[in-house]
Amino acid sequence: MGACCHGGCHGPSQGSPRTRRVLWLALAINAGMFLVEIIAGVTAGSSSLQADAMDFLGDATNYAVSLLVLGMSLRHRARASVLKGATMGAFGLWVVANTAHHLLSGTVPEAEVMGVIGIMALVANGGVAAMLYAFRDGDSNMRSVWICSRNDAIGNLAVLGAASGVFATGSGWPDFAVAGVMASLALSGAAQVLRHALTELRSVAVPAE
């Protein structure tokens, strides 16, 4: 885990034009993919696609928050990260509930749709992750967007695996299993972001000697 930015960060500076361009582009990609994937997920009856769609929505919101607090004090950025960590955790819990619903309903998703949309999502998230790689050792605010993009790319690979599993078995179990993995990633990422943000908040709460 990278050091907190008390005097500066590794990588692009907070509030720089490059940072803002990257976040705006990431926001646009995630918002667009949310619309594509939520429609496809509902149409195909896929828990993992719907989970990934909600993740795109959560990430778009997180990028918007990151843009809002760029250039603000470490305290404000850390507080924003607490909000983002809580959002990631809520997403993970929603995925658990949605997957349980599809499991009890015995839903068998459309593997072909899952595969096509999964490839589109992987390309989108892979591009965002590459753009955000330089920020992986920044403060909790920028580190959180890197964690989101990294988790998303991993999740997309899992969705493609689920599509293959559904196609091969004619069962919804691969889809349910991958949705469970995505929920675990969201909850794990939330814990990382919250832990880093709370550490920063404690550091700024200690008066300088």
Protein backbone atom coordinates (compact mmCIF):
# COMPACT_ATOMS: atom_id res chain seq x y z
CA MET A 1 0.00 0.00 0.00
CA GLY A 2 1.35 3.41 -0.93
CA ALA A 3 2.16 6.14 1.55
CA CYS A 4 -0.41 8.78 2.37
CA CYS A 5 -0.01 12.13 0.65
CA HIS A 6 0.89 14.41 3.53
CA GLY A 7 3.46 16.33 1.58
CA GLY A 8 2.91 14.92 -1.88
CA CYS A 9 2.07 11.77 -3.82
CA HIS A 10 3.84 9.45 -6.15
CA GLY A 11 2.45 9.82 -9.65
CA PRO A 12 0.37 12.70 -11.06
CA SER A 13 -0.38 15.53 -8.63
CA GLN A 14 -3.78 16.11 -7.10
CA GLY A 15 -5.94 18.40 -9.22
CA SER A 16 -3.59 18.36 -12.23
CA PRO A 17 -5.17 18.68 -15.70
CA ARG A 18 -4.03 15.12 -16.48
CA THR A 19 -5.71 13.76 -13.36
CA ARG A 20 -8.97 15.52 -14.17
CA ARG A 21 -8.94 14.34 -17.80
CA VAL A 22 -8.41 10.73 -16.72
CA LEU A 23 -11.21 10.87 -14.15
CA TRP A 24 -13.66 12.50 -16.56
CA LEU A 25 -12.92 9.86 -19.19
CA ALA A 26 -13.28 7.07 -16.61
CA LEU A 27 -16.59 8.59 -15.47
CA ALA A 28 -17.96 8.69 -19.03
CA ILE A 29 -16.88 5.10 -19.79
CA ASN A 30 -18.41 3.73 -16.60
CA ALA A 31 -21.70 5.62 -16.99
CA GLY A 32 -22.05 4.41 -20.57
CA MET A 33 -21.25 0.80 -19.70
CA PHE A 34 -23.76 0.86 -16.82
CA LEU A 35 -26.56 1.61 -19.29
CA VAL A 36 -25.41 -1.08 -21.71
CA GLU A 37 -24.88 -3.74 -19.08
CA ILE A 38 -27.97 -3.21 -16.93
CA ILE A 39 -30.20 -3.56 -20.01
CA ALA A 40 -28.31 -6.65 -21.17
CA GLY A 41 -28.23 -8.14 -17.67
CA VAL A 42 -31.97 -7.83 -17.15
CA THR A 43 -32.70 -9.09 -20.68
CA ALA A 44 -30.38 -12.10 -20.30
CA GLY A 45 -31.41 -12.84 -16.72
CA SER A 46 -27.76 -12.79 -15.60
CA SER A 47 -26.90 -12.08 -11.95
CA SER A 48 -23.25 -11.46 -12.77
CA LEU A 49 -24.04 -8.96 -15.56
CA GLN A 50 -26.48 -7.09 -13.32
CA ALA A 51 -23.88 -7.09 -10.56
CA ASP A 52 -21.26 -5.73 -12.95
CA ALA A 53 -23.69 -3.08 -14.18
CA MET A 54 -24.29 -1.84 -10.64
CA ASP A 55 -20.53 -1.82 -10.14
CA PHE A 56 -20.18 0.45 -13.20
CA LEU A 57 -22.79 2.78 -11.69
CA GLY A 58 -21.02 2.81 -8.33
CA ASP A 59 -17.69 3.52 -10.01
CA ALA A 60 -19.14 6.37 -12.07
CA THR A 61 -20.40 7.89 -8.83
CA ASN A 62 -17.02 7.38 -7.17
CA TYR A 63 -15.20 9.07 -10.04
CA ALA A 64 -17.58 12.03 -9.76
CA VAL A 65 -16.84 12.29 -6.03
CA SER A 66 -13.10 12.05 -6.73
CA LEU A 67 -13.36 14.93 -9.21
CA LEU A 68 -15.28 16.99 -6.64
CA VAL A 69 -12.62 16.69 -3.93
CA LEU A 70 -9.49 16.96 -6.11
CA GLY A 71 -7.30 19.74 -4.76
CA MET A 72 -9.09 19.81 -1.40
CA SER A 73 -7.39 19.05 1.90
CA LEU A 74 -6.42 15.52 2.87
CA ARG A 75 -9.20 15.54 5.47
CA HIS A 76 -11.87 16.20 2.81
CA ARG A 77 -10.41 13.61 0.44
CA ALA A 78 -10.29 11.01 3.20
CA ARG A 79 -13.90 11.71 4.16
CA ALA A 80 -14.89 11.25 0.52
CA SER A 81 -13.05 7.92 0.54
CA VAL A 82 -15.05 6.81 3.56
CA LEU A 83 -18.21 7.49 1.54
CA LYS A 84 -16.83 5.57 -1.43
CA GLY A 85 -15.81 2.64 0.75
CA ALA A 86 -19.30 2.50 2.21
CA THR A 87 -20.75 2.58 -1.32
CA MET A 88 -18.55 -0.32 -2.40
CA GLY A 89 -19.67 -2.29 0.66
CA ALA A 90 -23.33 -1.59 -0.06
CA PHE A 91 -22.82 -2.77 -3.63
CA GLY A 92 -21.36 -6.03 -2.35
CA LEU A 93 -24.35 -6.63 -0.09
CA TRP A 94 -26.78 -5.83 -2.95
CA VAL A 95 -25.05 -8.41 -5.15
CA VAL A 96 -25.45 -11.04 -2.42
CA ALA A 97 -29.19 -10.32 -2.15
CA ASN A 98 -29.75 -10.21 -5.94
CA THR A 99 -27.85 -13.44 -6.49
CA ALA A 100 -29.87 -15.17 -3.77
CA HIS A 101 -33.06 -14.06 -5.53
CA HIS A 102 -31.94 -15.52 -8.89
CA LEU A 103 -30.73 -18.68 -7.18
CA LEU A 104 -34.10 -19.28 -5.52
CA SER A 105 -35.86 -18.49 -8.81
CA GLY A 106 -33.72 -21.02 -10.71
CA THR A 107 -32.79 -18.48 -13.39
CA VAL A 108 -30.68 -19.75 -16.31
CA PRO A 109 -29.09 -16.73 -18.07
CA GLU A 110 -28.35 -16.38 -21.79
CA ALA A 111 -24.69 -17.33 -22.16
CA GLU A 112 -24.22 -15.67 -25.55
CA VAL A 113 -25.34 -12.28 -24.28
CA MET A 114 -23.16 -12.67 -21.20
CA GLY A 115 -20.13 -13.38 -23.39
CA VAL A 116 -20.57 -10.43 -25.75
CA ILE A 117 -21.27 -7.90 -23.00
CA GLY A 118 -18.53 -9.38 -20.83
CA ILE A 119 -15.96 -8.75 -23.58
CA MET A 120 -17.18 -5.16 -24.00
CA ALA A 121 -16.95 -4.57 -20.25
CA LEU A 122 -13.47 -6.08 -20.06
CA VAL A 123 -12.20 -3.78 -22.82
CA ALA A 124 -13.75 -0.76 -21.07
CA ASN A 125 -12.42 -1.64 -17.62
CA GLY A 126 -9.02 -2.69 -18.95
CA GLY A 127 -8.64 0.73 -20.55
CA VAL A 128 -9.70 2.53 -17.37
CA ALA A 129 -7.38 0.40 -15.23
CA ALA A 130 -4.46 1.22 -17.54
CA MET A 131 -5.21 4.94 -17.29
CA LEU A 132 -5.44 4.81 -13.49
CA TYR A 133 -2.37 2.62 -12.92
CA ALA A 134 -0.21 5.67 -12.20
CA PHE A 135 -2.46 6.56 -9.25
CA ARG A 136 -2.25 3.21 -7.42
CA ASP A 137 0.13 4.57 -4.73
CA GLY A 138 -1.65 7.87 -4.16
CA ASP A 139 -3.81 8.93 -1.23
CA SER A 140 -6.98 7.04 -0.29
CA ASN A 141 -9.08 9.08 -2.73
CA MET A 142 -7.02 8.19 -5.81
CA ARG A 143 -6.10 4.73 -4.54
CA SER A 144 -9.81 3.94 -4.26
CA VAL A 145 -10.42 4.61 -7.96
CA TRP A 146 -7.49 2.33 -8.85
CA ILE A 147 -8.89 -0.44 -6.60
CA CYS A 148 -12.29 -0.06 -8.27
CA SER A 149 -10.85 -0.35 -11.78
CA ARG A 150 -8.65 -3.30 -10.86
CA ASN A 151 -11.54 -5.18 -9.26
CA ASP A 152 -13.74 -4.46 -12.27
CA ALA A 153 -11.26 -5.96 -14.75
CA ILE A 154 -10.97 -9.09 -12.59
CA GLY A 155 -14.74 -9.26 -12.36
CA ASN A 156 -15.11 -9.07 -16.15
CA LEU A 157 -12.79 -12.04 -16.62
CA ALA A 158 -14.94 -13.92 -14.14
CA VAL A 159 -18.12 -12.99 -16.06
CA LEU A 160 -16.61 -14.43 -19.23
CA GLY A 161 -15.80 -17.60 -17.31
CA ALA A 162 -19.39 -17.73 -16.07
CA ALA A 163 -20.71 -17.34 -19.61
CA SER A 164 -18.59 -20.31 -20.70
CA GLY A 165 -19.82 -22.32 -17.73
CA VAL A 166 -23.48 -21.54 -18.38
CA PHE A 167 -23.07 -22.42 -22.05
CA ALA A 168 -21.36 -25.74 -21.25
CA THR A 169 -23.68 -26.87 -18.45
CA GLY A 170 -27.02 -25.21 -19.23
CA SER A 171 -27.15 -24.27 -15.55
CA GLY A 172 -27.21 -20.92 -13.76
CA TRP A 173 -24.72 -22.03 -11.11
CA PRO A 174 -21.61 -20.60 -12.84
CA ASP A 175 -23.39 -17.23 -13.02
CA PHE A 176 -24.31 -17.39 -9.32
CA ALA A 177 -20.78 -18.37 -8.34
CA VAL A 178 -19.21 -15.47 -10.24
CA ALA A 179 -21.70 -13.02 -8.77
CA GLY A 180 -20.59 -14.27 -5.37
CA VAL A 181 -16.94 -13.66 -6.27
CA MET A 182 -17.80 -10.13 -7.39
CA ALA A 183 -19.57 -9.50 -4.09
CA SER A 184 -16.44 -10.67 -2.25
CA LEU A 185 -14.26 -8.34 -4.34
CA ALA A 186 -16.54 -5.40 -3.57
CA LEU A 187 -16.54 -6.11 0.16
CA SER A 188 -12.76 -6.66 0.22
CA GLY A 189 -12.14 -3.45 -1.76
CA ALA A 190 -14.46 -1.54 0.58
CA ALA A 191 -12.46 -2.74 3.58
CA GLN A 192 -9.17 -1.62 1.97
CA VAL A 193 -10.50 1.83 1.08
CA LEU A 194 -12.08 2.37 4.51
CA ARG A 195 -8.95 1.23 6.34
CA HIS A 196 -6.73 3.60 4.33
CA ALA A 197 -9.18 6.52 4.65
CA LEU A 198 -9.59 6.09 8.41
CA THR A 199 -5.81 5.98 8.82
CA GLU A 200 -5.57 9.31 6.97
CA LEU A 201 -8.33 10.84 9.09
CA ARG A 202 -6.52 9.79 12.27
CA SER A 203 -3.27 11.26 10.95
CA VAL A 204 -4.77 14.69 10.25
CA ALA A 205 -6.59 14.66 13.60
CA VAL A 206 -3.25 14.56 15.46
CA PRO A 207 -2.11 18.16 16.07
CA ALA A 208 1.33 19.01 14.72
CA GLU A 209 4.00 19.40 17.41
